[in-house]
Amino acid sequence: MIIQLIRSEPISKHRLAELAKNTFGDMIKAVVDVERELMAVDMELHADGEMYLIENGSEQANLWGINLHPGQSDEHFVEFDSLINMRPFQGNRSRGVEDKDTQEQIIKLVNTLVTND
């Protein structure tokens, strides 16, 4: 498993499904940087993706952990559930993403970085 950085060249749902088979079967973990508009995929723990992105110039406050379900329809494709999302200092007290604007920003970014091919 090698963390992959997705930014200017999108990744397909088909490729995500292939990567998911090596770890969680039908789901793959990802961390998005909403400020830099990029995403790291294919890690065992969201914290691994978070560390990878921080080491490559991201700020922790801009990072959100999500799960992607390549075999699911649009409304079930992105799941907001990660321990790295628990940050009371930003007003997020759960593993989800509580702010609706941030959720929309994440979904828009994912839709840009992931193709349906």
PDB file of N, CA and C in Angstrom:
ATOM      1  N   MET A   1       0.852  -1.169   0.000  1.00  0.00           N
ATOM      2  CA  MET A   1       0.000   0.000   0.000  1.00  0.00           C
ATOM      3  C   MET A   1       0.897   1.231   0.000  1.00  0.00           C
ATOM      4  N   ILE A   2       0.759   2.039  -1.028  1.00  0.00           N
ATOM      5  CA  ILE A   2       1.518   3.274  -1.152  1.00  0.00           C
ATOM      6  C   ILE A   2       0.521   4.411  -1.298  1.00  0.00           C
ATOM      7  N   ILE A   3       0.611   5.391  -0.417  1.00  0.00           N
ATOM      8  CA  ILE A   3      -0.294   6.531  -0.482  1.00  0.00           C
ATOM      9  C   ILE A   3      -0.121   7.226  -1.824  1.00  0.00           C
ATOM     10  N   GLN A   4      -1.249   7.507  -2.456  1.00  0.00           N
ATOM     11  CA  GLN A   4      -1.229   8.181  -3.748  1.00  0.00           C
ATOM     12  C   GLN A   4      -1.814   9.580  -3.602  1.00  0.00           C
ATOM     13  N   LEU A   5      -1.138  10.552  -4.188  1.00  0.00           N
ATOM     14  CA  LEU A   5      -1.596  11.930  -4.162  1.00  0.00           C
ATOM     15  C   LEU A   5      -2.366  12.222  -5.443  1.00  0.00           C
ATOM     16  N   ILE A   6      -3.599  12.692  -5.293  1.00  0.00           N
ATOM     17  CA  ILE A   6      -4.458  12.998  -6.435  1.00  0.00           C
ATOM     18  C   ILE A   6      -4.690  14.505  -6.434  1.00  0.00           C
ATOM     19  N   ARG A   7      -4.300  15.168  -7.523  1.00  0.00           N
ATOM     20  CA  ARG A   7      -4.560  16.609  -7.614  1.00  0.00           C
ATOM     21  C   ARG A   7      -4.890  17.036  -9.024  1.00  0.00           C
ATOM     22  N   SER A   8      -3.969  17.118  -9.920  1.00  0.00           N
ATOM     23  CA  SER A   8      -4.277  17.641 -11.255  1.00  0.00           C
ATOM     24  C   SER A   8      -4.817  16.562 -12.186  1.00  0.00           C
ATOM     25  N   GLU A   9      -4.412  15.328 -11.990  1.00  0.00           N
ATOM     26  CA  GLU A   9      -4.906  14.227 -12.820  1.00  0.00           C
ATOM     27  C   GLU A   9      -5.850  13.363 -11.990  1.00  0.00           C
ATOM     28  N   PRO A  10      -7.148  13.358 -12.330  1.00  0.00           N
ATOM     29  CA  PRO A  10      -8.131  12.604 -11.537  1.00  0.00           C
ATOM     30  C   PRO A  10      -7.858  11.101 -11.549  1.00  0.00           C
ATOM     31  N   ILE A  11      -8.443  10.430 -10.570  1.00  0.00           N
ATOM     32  CA  ILE A  11      -8.387   8.973 -10.472  1.00  0.00           C
ATOM     33  C   ILE A  11      -9.798   8.457 -10.751  1.00  0.00           C
ATOM     34  N   SER A  12      -9.901   7.293 -11.342  1.00  0.00           N
ATOM     35  CA  SER A  12     -11.223   6.737 -11.676  1.00  0.00           C
ATOM     36  C   SER A  12     -11.776   5.918 -10.512  1.00  0.00           C
ATOM     37  N   LYS A  13     -13.091   5.801 -10.471  1.00  0.00           N
ATOM     38  CA  LYS A  13     -13.730   4.939  -9.478  1.00  0.00           C
ATOM     39  C   LYS A  13     -13.268   3.497  -9.665  1.00  0.00           C
ATOM     40  N   HIS A  14     -13.046   3.111 -10.904  1.00  0.00           N
ATOM     41  CA  HIS A  14     -12.557   1.760 -11.194  1.00  0.00           C
ATOM     42  C   HIS A  14     -11.200   1.521 -10.517  1.00  0.00           C
ATOM     43  N   ARG A  15     -10.297   2.489 -10.637  1.00  0.00           N
ATOM     44  CA  ARG A  15      -8.969   2.360 -10.012  1.00  0.00           C
ATOM     45  C   ARG A  15      -9.101   2.357  -8.494  1.00  0.00           C
ATOM     46  N   LEU A  16      -9.976   3.173  -7.946  1.00  0.00           N
ATOM     47  CA  LEU A  16     -10.201   3.169  -6.502  1.00  0.00           C
ATOM     48  C   LEU A  16     -10.703   1.803  -6.043  1.00  0.00           C
ATOM     49  N   ALA A  17     -11.594   1.204  -6.822  1.00  0.00           N
ATOM     50  CA  ALA A  17     -12.115  -0.125  -6.487  1.00  0.00           C
ATOM     51  C   ALA A  17     -10.998  -1.156  -6.480  1.00  0.00           C
ATOM     52  N   GLU A  18     -10.083  -1.058  -7.445  1.00  0.00           N
ATOM     53  CA  GLU A  18      -8.932  -1.980  -7.482  1.00  0.00           C
ATOM     54  C   GLU A  18      -8.060  -1.809  -6.246  1.00  0.00           C
ATOM     55  N   LEU A  19      -7.784  -0.560  -5.862  1.00  0.00           N
ATOM     56  CA  LEU A  19      -6.968  -0.293  -4.678  1.00  0.00           C
ATOM     57  C   LEU A  19      -7.670  -0.788  -3.408  1.00  0.00           C
ATOM     58  N   ALA A  20      -8.976  -0.608  -3.349  1.00  0.00           N
ATOM     59  CA  ALA A  20      -9.741  -1.009  -2.172  1.00  0.00           C
ATOM     60  C   ALA A  20      -9.663  -2.512  -1.921  1.00  0.00           C
ATOM     61  N   LYS A  21      -9.582  -3.304  -2.985  1.00  0.00           N
ATOM     62  CA  LYS A  21      -9.501  -4.761  -2.846  1.00  0.00           C
ATOM     63  C   LYS A  21      -8.300  -5.187  -2.009  1.00  0.00           C
ATOM     64  N   ASN A  22      -7.237  -4.384  -2.031  1.00  0.00           N
ATOM     65  CA  ASN A  22      -6.017  -4.727  -1.296  1.00  0.00           C
ATOM     66  C   ASN A  22      -6.092  -4.393   0.182  1.00  0.00           C
ATOM     67  N   THR A  23      -7.125  -3.658   0.593  1.00  0.00           N
ATOM     68  CA  THR A  23      -7.210  -3.260   1.996  1.00  0.00           C
ATOM     69  C   THR A  23      -8.560  -3.595   2.605  1.00  0.00           C
ATOM     70  N   PHE A  24      -9.563  -2.774   2.333  1.00  0.00           N
ATOM     71  CA  PHE A  24     -10.843  -2.898   3.023  1.00  0.00           C
ATOM     72  C   PHE A  24     -11.946  -3.525   2.177  1.00  0.00           C
ATOM     73  N   GLY A  25     -11.610  -3.994   0.997  1.00  0.00           N
ATOM     74  CA  GLY A  25     -12.584  -4.669   0.148  1.00  0.00           C
ATOM     75  C   GLY A  25     -13.367  -3.736  -0.742  1.00  0.00           C
ATOM     76  N   ASP A  26     -14.370  -3.067  -0.184  1.00  0.00           N
ATOM     77  CA  ASP A  26     -15.232  -2.209  -1.000  1.00  0.00           C
ATOM     78  C   ASP A  26     -15.151  -0.739  -0.603  1.00  0.00           C
ATOM     79  N   MET A  27     -14.151  -0.395   0.218  1.00  0.00           N
ATOM     80  CA  MET A  27     -14.001   0.966   0.707  1.00  0.00           C
ATOM     81  C   MET A  27     -12.519   1.323   0.716  1.00  0.00           C
ATOM     82  N   ILE A  28     -12.226   2.597   0.463  1.00  0.00           N
ATOM     83  CA  ILE A  28     -10.850   3.064   0.520  1.00  0.00           C
ATOM     84  C   ILE A  28     -10.819   4.363   1.320  1.00  0.00           C
ATOM     85  N   LYS A  29      -9.795   4.506   2.159  1.00  0.00           N
ATOM     86  CA  LYS A  29      -9.658   5.711   2.970  1.00  0.00           C
ATOM     87  C   LYS A  29      -8.975   6.805   2.172  1.00  0.00           C
ATOM     88  N   ALA A  30      -9.381   8.036   2.461  1.00  0.00           N
ATOM     89  CA  ALA A  30      -8.800   9.195   1.800  1.00  0.00           C
ATOM     90  C   ALA A  30      -8.747  10.353   2.783  1.00  0.00           C
ATOM     91  N   VAL A  31      -7.829  11.269   2.515  1.00  0.00           N
ATOM     92  CA  VAL A  31      -7.745  12.518   3.267  1.00  0.00           C
ATOM     93  C   VAL A  31      -7.706  13.642   2.237  1.00  0.00           C
ATOM     94  N   VAL A  32      -8.595  14.615   2.393  1.00  0.00           N
ATOM     95  CA  VAL A  32      -8.649  15.739   1.467  1.00  0.00           C
ATOM     96  C   VAL A  32      -8.097  16.995   2.122  1.00  0.00           C
ATOM     97  N   ASP A  33      -7.428  17.803   1.318  1.00  0.00           N
ATOM     98  CA  ASP A  33      -6.970  19.122   1.729  1.00  0.00           C
ATOM     99  C   ASP A  33      -7.868  20.110   0.994  1.00  0.00           C
ATOM    100  N   VAL A  34      -8.797  20.712   1.714  1.00  0.00           N
ATOM    101  CA  VAL A  34      -9.782  21.581   1.073  1.00  0.00           C
ATOM    102  C   VAL A  34      -9.171  22.906   0.629  1.00  0.00           C
ATOM    103  N   GLU A  35      -8.068  23.300   1.197  1.00  0.00           N
ATOM    104  CA  GLU A  35      -7.408  24.542   0.805  1.00  0.00           C
ATOM    105  C   GLU A  35      -6.576  24.357  -0.462  1.00  0.00           C
ATOM    106  N   ARG A  36      -5.780  23.301  -0.508  1.00  0.00           N
ATOM    107  CA  ARG A  36      -4.897  23.050  -1.652  1.00  0.00           C
ATOM    108  C   ARG A  36      -5.587  22.258  -2.762  1.00  0.00           C
ATOM    109  N   GLU A  37      -6.809  21.803  -2.496  1.00  0.00           N
ATOM    110  CA  GLU A  37      -7.630  21.051  -3.446  1.00  0.00           C
ATOM    111  C   GLU A  37      -6.921  19.809  -3.974  1.00  0.00           C
ATOM    112  N   LEU A  38      -6.542  18.954  -3.031  1.00  0.00           N
ATOM    113  CA  LEU A  38      -5.924  17.679  -3.380  1.00  0.00           C
ATOM    114  C   LEU A  38      -6.374  16.618  -2.400  1.00  0.00           C
ATOM    115  N   MET A  39      -6.019  15.375  -2.712  1.00  0.00           N
ATOM    116  CA  MET A  39      -6.484  14.252  -1.916  1.00  0.00           C
ATOM    117  C   MET A  39      -5.432  13.150  -1.900  1.00  0.00           C
ATOM    118  N   ALA A  40      -5.237  12.565  -0.736  1.00  0.00           N
ATOM    119  CA  ALA A  40      -4.388  11.383  -0.605  1.00  0.00           C
ATOM    120  C   ALA A  40      -5.312  10.183  -0.446  1.00  0.00           C
ATOM    121  N   VAL A  41      -4.996   9.089  -1.149  1.00  0.00           N
ATOM    122  CA  VAL A  41      -5.809   7.878  -1.058  1.00  0.00           C
ATOM    123  C   VAL A  41      -4.915   6.667  -0.808  1.00  0.00           C
ATOM    124  N   ASP A  42      -5.534   5.628  -0.300  1.00  0.00           N
ATOM    125  CA  ASP A  42      -4.909   4.314  -0.115  1.00  0.00           C
ATOM    126  C   ASP A  42      -3.964   4.285   1.081  1.00  0.00           C
ATOM    127  N   MET A  43      -4.561   4.335   2.265  1.00  0.00           N
ATOM    128  CA  MET A  43      -3.804   4.225   3.502  1.00  0.00           C
ATOM    129  C   MET A  43      -4.570   3.348   4.484  1.00  0.00           C
ATOM    130  N   GLU A  44      -3.839   2.765   5.416  1.00  0.00           N
ATOM    131  CA  GLU A  44      -4.495   1.940   6.422  1.00  0.00           C
ATOM    132  C   GLU A  44      -5.256   2.792   7.430  1.00  0.00           C
ATOM    133  N   LEU A  45      -4.646   3.906   7.813  1.00  0.00           N
ATOM    134  CA  LEU A  45      -5.254   4.822   8.774  1.00  0.00           C
ATOM    135  C   LEU A  45      -5.326   6.220   8.164  1.00  0.00           C
ATOM    136  N   HIS A  46      -6.402   6.939   8.444  1.00  0.00           N
ATOM    137  CA  HIS A  46      -6.485   8.323   7.982  1.00  0.00           C
ATOM    138  C   HIS A  46      -5.302   9.138   8.507  1.00  0.00           C
ATOM    139  N   ALA A  47      -4.844   8.819   9.708  1.00  0.00           N
ATOM    140  CA  ALA A  47      -3.710   9.538  10.287  1.00  0.00           C
ATOM    141  C   ALA A  47      -2.464   9.415   9.415  1.00  0.00           C
ATOM    142  N   ASP A  48      -2.310   8.284   8.715  1.00  0.00           N
ATOM    143  CA  ASP A  48      -1.169   8.122   7.806  1.00  0.00           C
ATOM    144  C   ASP A  48      -1.266   9.116   6.648  1.00  0.00           C
ATOM    145  N   GLY A  49      -2.458   9.272   6.097  1.00  0.00           N
ATOM    146  CA  GLY A  49      -2.665  10.227   5.012  1.00  0.00           C
ATOM    147  C   GLY A  49      -2.509  11.655   5.504  1.00  0.00           C
ATOM    148  N   GLU A  50      -2.986  11.915   6.692  1.00  0.00           N
ATOM    149  CA  GLU A  50      -2.843  13.238   7.289  1.00  0.00           C
ATOM    150  C   GLU A  50      -1.356  13.591   7.440  1.00  0.00           C
ATOM    151  N   MET A  51      -0.575  12.670   7.977  1.00  0.00           N
ATOM    152  CA  MET A  51       0.860  12.900   8.156  1.00  0.00           C
ATOM    153  C   MET A  51       1.548  13.104   6.806  1.00  0.00           C
ATOM    154  N   TYR A  52       1.192  12.292   5.830  1.00  0.00           N
ATOM    155  CA  TYR A  52       1.772  12.401   4.496  1.00  0.00           C
ATOM    156  C   TYR A  52       1.526  13.797   3.922  1.00  0.00           C
ATOM    157  N   LEU A  53       0.294  14.276   4.023  1.00  0.00           N
ATOM    158  CA  LEU A  53      -0.029  15.578   3.461  1.00  0.00           C
ATOM    159  C   LEU A  53       0.644  16.715   4.229  1.00  0.00           C
ATOM    160  N   ILE A  54       0.713  16.612   5.536  1.00  0.00           N
ATOM    161  CA  ILE A  54       1.395  17.637   6.329  1.00  0.00           C
ATOM    162  C   ILE A  54       2.873  17.688   5.960  1.00  0.00           C
ATOM    163  N   GLU A  55       3.482  16.518   5.797  1.00  0.00           N
ATOM    164  CA  GLU A  55       4.897  16.468   5.395  1.00  0.00           C
ATOM    165  C   GLU A  55       5.112  17.050   4.001  1.00  0.00           C
ATOM    166  N   ASN A  56       4.028  17.139   3.221  1.00  0.00           N
ATOM    167  CA  ASN A  56       4.122  17.671   1.863  1.00  0.00           C
ATOM    168  C   ASN A  56       3.440  19.037   1.715  1.00  0.00           C
ATOM    169  N   GLY A  57       3.379  19.783   2.811  1.00  0.00           N
ATOM    170  CA  GLY A  57       2.962  21.174   2.735  1.00  0.00           C
ATOM    171  C   GLY A  57       1.554  21.527   3.159  1.00  0.00           C
ATOM    172  N   SER A  58       0.743  20.559   3.558  1.00  0.00           N
ATOM    173  CA  SER A  58      -0.624  20.865   3.993  1.00  0.00           C
ATOM    174  C   SER A  58      -0.648  21.288   5.454  1.00  0.00           C
ATOM    175  N   GLU A  59      -1.698  22.022   5.806  1.00  0.00           N
ATOM    176  CA  GLU A  59      -1.932  22.394   7.200  1.00  0.00           C
ATOM    177  C   GLU A  59      -3.048  21.515   7.751  1.00  0.00           C
ATOM    178  N   GLN A  60      -2.860  21.020   8.959  1.00  0.00           N
ATOM    179  CA  GLN A  60      -3.791  20.076   9.564  1.00  0.00           C
ATOM    180  C   GLN A  60      -5.213  20.610   9.600  1.00  0.00           C
ATOM    181  N   ALA A  61      -5.387  21.893   9.820  1.00  0.00           N
ATOM    182  CA  ALA A  61      -6.729  22.473   9.917  1.00  0.00           C
ATOM    183  C   ALA A  61      -7.522  22.342   8.616  1.00  0.00           C
ATOM    184  N   ASN A  62      -6.838  22.115   7.501  1.00  0.00           N
ATOM    185  CA  ASN A  62      -7.495  22.000   6.198  1.00  0.00           C
ATOM    186  C   ASN A  62      -7.739  20.553   5.776  1.00  0.00           C
ATOM    187  N   LEU A  63      -7.371  19.600   6.611  1.00  0.00           N
ATOM    188  CA  LEU A  63      -7.442  18.189   6.248  1.00  0.00           C
ATOM    189  C   LEU A  63      -8.657  17.517   6.876  1.00  0.00           C
ATOM    190  N   TRP A  64      -9.320  16.703   6.068  1.00  0.00           N
ATOM    191  CA  TRP A  64     -10.502  15.971   6.526  1.00  0.00           C
ATOM    192  C   TRP A  64     -10.419  14.530   6.048  1.00  0.00           C
ATOM    193  N   GLY A  65     -10.689  13.593   6.954  1.00  0.00           N
ATOM    194  CA  GLY A  65     -10.678  12.177   6.623  1.00  0.00           C
ATOM    195  C   GLY A  65     -12.043  11.726   6.136  1.00  0.00           C
ATOM    196  N   ILE A  66     -12.032  10.971   5.041  1.00  0.00           N
ATOM    197  CA  ILE A  66     -13.268  10.429   4.476  1.00  0.00           C
ATOM    198  C   ILE A  66     -13.029   8.991   4.039  1.00  0.00           C
ATOM    199  N   ASN A  67     -14.107   8.287   3.800  1.00  0.00           N
ATOM    200  CA  ASN A  67     -14.053   6.966   3.191  1.00  0.00           C
ATOM    201  C   ASN A  67     -14.779   7.048   1.866  1.00  0.00           C
ATOM    202  N   LEU A  68     -14.205   6.409   0.854  1.00  0.00           N
ATOM    203  CA  LEU A  68     -14.821   6.382  -0.466  1.00  0.00           C
ATOM    204  C   LEU A  68     -15.293   4.966  -0.758  1.00  0.00           C
ATOM    205  N   HIS A  69     -16.501   4.850  -1.268  1.00  0.00           N
ATOM    206  CA  HIS A  69     -17.113   3.567  -1.605  1.00  0.00           C
ATOM    207  C   HIS A  69     -17.339   3.545  -3.116  1.00  0.00           C
ATOM    208  N   PRO A  70     -16.328   3.101  -3.894  1.00  0.00           N
ATOM    209  CA  PRO A  70     -16.394   3.190  -5.356  1.00  0.00           C
ATOM    210  C   PRO A  70     -17.579   2.478  -5.992  1.00  0.00           C
ATOM    211  N   GLY A  71     -18.120   1.475  -5.342  1.00  0.00           N
ATOM    212  CA  GLY A  71     -19.240   0.737  -5.914  1.00  0.00           C
ATOM    213  C   GLY A  71     -20.601   1.339  -5.590  1.00  0.00           C
ATOM    214  N   GLN A  72     -20.619   2.422  -4.854  1.00  0.00           N
ATOM    215  CA  GLN A  72     -21.887   3.023  -4.423  1.00  0.00           C
ATOM    216  C   GLN A  72     -22.266   4.209  -5.304  1.00  0.00           C
ATOM    217  N   SER A  73     -23.539   4.575  -5.243  1.00  0.00           N
ATOM    218  CA  SER A  73     -24.031   5.732  -5.989  1.00  0.00           C
ATOM    219  C   SER A  73     -23.529   7.023  -5.346  1.00  0.00           C
ATOM    220  N   ASP A  74     -23.774   8.121  -6.008  1.00  0.00           N
ATOM    221  CA  ASP A  74     -23.254   9.414  -5.580  1.00  0.00           C
ATOM    222  C   ASP A  74     -23.522   9.720  -4.108  1.00  0.00           C
ATOM    223  N   GLU A  75     -24.733   9.553  -3.657  1.00  0.00           N
ATOM    224  CA  GLU A  75     -25.072   9.928  -2.282  1.00  0.00           C
ATOM    225  C   GLU A  75     -24.405   9.041  -1.237  1.00  0.00           C
ATOM    226  N   HIS A  76     -23.965   7.849  -1.621  1.00  0.00           N
ATOM    227  CA  HIS A  76     -23.309   6.938  -0.681  1.00  0.00           C
ATOM    228  C   HIS A  76     -21.821   6.763  -0.978  1.00  0.00           C
ATOM    229  N   PHE A  77     -21.317   7.488  -1.973  1.00  0.00           N
ATOM    230  CA  PHE A  77     -19.920   7.358  -2.382  1.00  0.00           C
ATOM    231  C   PHE A  77     -18.962   7.902  -1.318  1.00  0.00           C
ATOM    232  N   VAL A  78     -19.275   9.071  -0.749  1.00  0.00           N
ATOM    233  CA  VAL A  78     -18.415   9.704   0.246  1.00  0.00           C
ATOM    234  C   VAL A  78     -19.023   9.510   1.635  1.00  0.00           C
ATOM    235  N   GLU A  79     -18.201   9.007   2.547  1.00  0.00           N
ATOM    236  CA  GLU A  79     -18.612   8.826   3.934  1.00  0.00           C
ATOM    237  C   GLU A  79     -17.712   9.690   4.815  1.00  0.00           C
ATOM    238  N   PHE A  80     -18.310  10.539   5.621  1.00  0.00           N
ATOM    239  CA  PHE A  80     -17.564  11.415   6.519  1.00  0.00           C
ATOM    240  C   PHE A  80     -17.403  10.718   7.863  1.00  0.00           C
ATOM    241  N   ASP A  81     -16.311   9.979   8.023  1.00  0.00           N
ATOM    242  CA  ASP A  81     -16.093   9.240   9.264  1.00  0.00           C
ATOM    243  C   ASP A  81     -14.604   8.993   9.456  1.00  0.00           C
ATOM    244  N   SER A  82     -13.996   9.735  10.370  1.00  0.00           N
ATOM    245  CA  SER A  82     -12.580   9.560  10.636  1.00  0.00           C
ATOM    246  C   SER A  82     -12.224  10.180  11.984  1.00  0.00           C
ATOM    247  N   LEU A  83     -11.341   9.525  12.684  1.00  0.00           N
ATOM    248  CA  LEU A  83     -10.875  10.072  13.963  1.00  0.00           C
ATOM    249  C   LEU A  83     -10.144  11.400  13.786  1.00  0.00           C
ATOM    250  N   ILE A  84      -9.497  11.616  12.631  1.00  0.00           N
ATOM    251  CA  ILE A  84      -8.770  12.876  12.451  1.00  0.00           C
ATOM    252  C   ILE A  84      -9.714  14.070  12.343  1.00  0.00           C
ATOM    253  N   ASN A  85     -11.002  13.806  12.158  1.00  0.00           N
ATOM    254  CA  ASN A  85     -11.976  14.897  12.057  1.00  0.00           C
ATOM    255  C   ASN A  85     -12.381  15.442  13.424  1.00  0.00           C
ATOM    256  N   MET A  86     -12.054  14.741  14.486  1.00  0.00           N
ATOM    257  CA  MET A  86     -12.406  15.192  15.833  1.00  0.00           C
ATOM    258  C   MET A  86     -11.463  16.321  16.222  1.00  0.00           C
ATOM    259  N   ARG A  87     -11.964  17.541  16.142  1.00  0.00           N
ATOM    260  CA  ARG A  87     -11.166  18.704  16.520  1.00  0.00           C
ATOM    261  C   ARG A  87     -12.064  19.790  17.100  1.00  0.00           C
ATOM    262  N   PRO A  88     -12.254  19.706  18.387  1.00  0.00           N
ATOM    263  CA  PRO A  88     -13.108  20.683  19.076  1.00  0.00           C
ATOM    264  C   PRO A  88     -12.662  22.130  18.863  1.00  0.00           C
ATOM    265  N   PHE A  89     -11.370  22.359  18.699  1.00  0.00           N
ATOM    266  CA  PHE A  89     -10.863  23.719  18.505  1.00  0.00           C
ATOM    267  C   PHE A  89     -11.375  24.337  17.211  1.00  0.00           C
ATOM    268  N   GLN A  90     -11.860  23.507  16.283  1.00  0.00           N
ATOM    269  CA  GLN A  90     -12.463  23.992  15.037  1.00  0.00           C
ATOM    270  C   GLN A  90     -13.985  23.828  15.066  1.00  0.00           C
ATOM    271  N   GLY A  91     -14.513  23.458  16.215  1.00  0.00           N
ATOM    272  CA  GLY A  91     -15.954  23.293  16.346  1.00  0.00           C
ATOM    273  C   GLY A  91     -16.480  21.970  15.825  1.00  0.00           C
ATOM    274  N   ASN A  92     -15.589  21.018  15.548  1.00  0.00           N
ATOM    275  CA  ASN A  92     -16.008  19.701  15.054  1.00  0.00           C
ATOM    276  C   ASN A  92     -15.748  18.672  16.159  1.00  0.00           C
ATOM    277  N   ARG A  93     -16.806  18.246  16.814  1.00  0.00           N
ATOM    278  CA  ARG A  93     -16.667  17.387  17.989  1.00  0.00           C
ATOM    279  C   ARG A  93     -16.957  15.914  17.718  1.00  0.00           C
ATOM    280  N   SER A  94     -17.081  15.546  16.454  1.00  0.00           N
ATOM    281  CA  SER A  94     -17.374  14.148  16.131  1.00  0.00           C
ATOM    282  C   SER A  94     -16.420  13.648  15.062  1.00  0.00           C
ATOM    283  N   ARG A  95     -16.541  12.372  14.739  1.00  0.00           N
ATOM    284  CA  ARG A  95     -15.728  11.775  13.672  1.00  0.00           C
ATOM    285  C   ARG A  95     -16.234  12.173  12.293  1.00  0.00           C
ATOM    286  N   GLY A  96     -17.394  12.747  12.240  1.00  0.00           N
ATOM    287  CA  GLY A  96     -17.960  13.218  10.983  1.00  0.00           C
ATOM    288  C   GLY A  96     -17.448  14.610  10.651  1.00  0.00           C
ATOM    289  N   VAL A  97     -18.032  15.209   9.632  1.00  0.00           N
ATOM    290  CA  VAL A  97     -17.762  16.609   9.291  1.00  0.00           C
ATOM    291  C   VAL A  97     -19.080  17.325   9.537  1.00  0.00           C
ATOM    292  N   GLU A  98     -19.137  18.095  10.604  1.00  0.00           N
ATOM    293  CA  GLU A  98     -20.399  18.672  11.049  1.00  0.00           C
ATOM    294  C   GLU A  98     -20.837  19.890  10.250  1.00  0.00           C
ATOM    295  N   ASP A  99     -19.905  20.656   9.727  1.00  0.00           N
ATOM    296  CA  ASP A  99     -20.227  21.870   8.986  1.00  0.00           C
ATOM    297  C   ASP A  99     -20.686  21.519   7.569  1.00  0.00           C
ATOM    298  N   LYS A 100     -21.901  21.905   7.224  1.00  0.00           N
ATOM    299  CA  LYS A 100     -22.479  21.565   5.908  1.00  0.00           C
ATOM    300  C   LYS A 100     -21.685  22.198   4.764  1.00  0.00           C
ATOM    301  N   ASP A 101     -21.180  23.409   4.949  1.00  0.00           N
ATOM    302  CA  ASP A 101     -20.384  24.044   3.899  1.00  0.00           C
ATOM    303  C   ASP A 101     -19.097  23.265   3.642  1.00  0.00           C
ATOM    304  N   THR A 102     -18.471  22.777   4.698  1.00  0.00           N
ATOM    305  CA  THR A 102     -17.250  21.969   4.551  1.00  0.00           C
ATOM    306  C   THR A 102     -17.582  20.651   3.860  1.00  0.00           C
ATOM    307  N   GLN A 103     -18.704  20.038   4.220  1.00  0.00           N
ATOM    308  CA  GLN A 103     -19.135  18.814   3.544  1.00  0.00           C
ATOM    309  C   GLN A 103     -19.298  19.056   2.046  1.00  0.00           C
ATOM    310  N   GLU A 104     -19.969  20.132   1.689  1.00  0.00           N
ATOM    311  CA  GLU A 104     -20.181  20.449   0.278  1.00  0.00           C
ATOM    312  C   GLU A 104     -18.857  20.701  -0.436  1.00  0.00           C
ATOM    313  N   GLN A 105     -17.934  21.387   0.234  1.00  0.00           N
ATOM    314  CA  GLN A 105     -16.617  21.656  -0.337  1.00  0.00           C
ATOM    315  C   GLN A 105     -15.870  20.345  -0.590  1.00  0.00           C
ATOM    316  N   ILE A 106     -15.954  19.414   0.346  1.00  0.00           N
ATOM    317  CA  ILE A 106     -15.298  18.114   0.205  1.00  0.00           C
ATOM    318  C   ILE A 106     -15.913  17.336  -0.956  1.00  0.00           C
ATOM    319  N   ILE A 107     -17.230  17.291  -1.020  1.00  0.00           N
ATOM    320  CA  ILE A 107     -17.908  16.551  -2.095  1.00  0.00           C
ATOM    321  C   ILE A 107     -17.561  17.145  -3.462  1.00  0.00           C
ATOM    322  N   LYS A 108     -17.556  18.455  -3.556  1.00  0.00           N
ATOM    323  CA  LYS A 108     -17.198  19.112  -4.818  1.00  0.00           C
ATOM    324  C   LYS A 108     -15.766  18.746  -5.219  1.00  0.00           C
ATOM    325  N   LEU A 109     -14.863  18.773  -4.265  1.00  0.00           N
ATOM    326  CA  LEU A 109     -13.469  18.426  -4.542  1.00  0.00           C
ATOM    327  C   LEU A 109     -13.345  16.967  -4.981  1.00  0.00           C
ATOM    328  N   VAL A 110     -14.005  16.068  -4.274  1.00  0.00           N
ATOM    329  CA  VAL A 110     -13.956  14.642  -4.625  1.00  0.00           C
ATOM    330  C   VAL A 110     -14.515  14.436  -6.029  1.00  0.00           C
ATOM    331  N   ASN A 111     -15.612  15.108  -6.346  1.00  0.00           N
ATOM    332  CA  ASN A 111     -16.211  14.972  -7.676  1.00  0.00           C
ATOM    333  C   ASN A 111     -15.299  15.492  -8.778  1.00  0.00           C
ATOM    334  N   THR A 112     -14.404  16.413  -8.439  1.00  0.00           N
ATOM    335  CA  THR A 112     -13.428  16.916  -9.399  1.00  0.00           C
ATOM    336  C   THR A 112     -12.272  15.937  -9.552  1.00  0.00           C
ATOM    337  N   LEU A 113     -11.882  15.290  -8.453  1.00  0.00           N
ATOM    338  CA  LEU A 113     -10.694  14.428  -8.451  1.00  0.00           C
ATOM    339  C   LEU A 113     -10.970  12.962  -8.776  1.00  0.00           C
ATOM    340  N   VAL A 114     -12.249  12.574  -8.832  1.00  0.00           N
ATOM    341  CA  VAL A 114     -12.618  11.191  -9.105  1.00  0.00           C
ATOM    342  C   VAL A 114     -13.557  11.152 -10.308  1.00  0.00           C
ATOM    343  N   THR A 115     -13.205  10.354 -11.301  1.00  0.00           N
ATOM    344  CA  THR A 115     -14.075  10.209 -12.467  1.00  0.00           C
ATOM    345  C   THR A 115     -14.893   8.921 -12.359  1.00  0.00           C
ATOM    346  N   ASN A 116     -15.967   8.833 -13.082  1.00  0.00           N
ATOM    347  CA  ASN A 116     -16.829   7.656 -13.061  1.00  0.00           C
ATOM    348  C   ASN A 116     -16.372   6.549 -14.010  1.00  0.00           C
ATOM    349  N   ASP A 117     -15.276   6.729 -14.698  1.00  0.00           N
ATOM    350  CA  ASP A 117     -14.769   5.729 -15.653  1.00  0.00           C
ATOM    351  C   ASP A 117     -14.462   4.413 -14.981  1.00  0.00           C
TER     352      ASP A 117
END
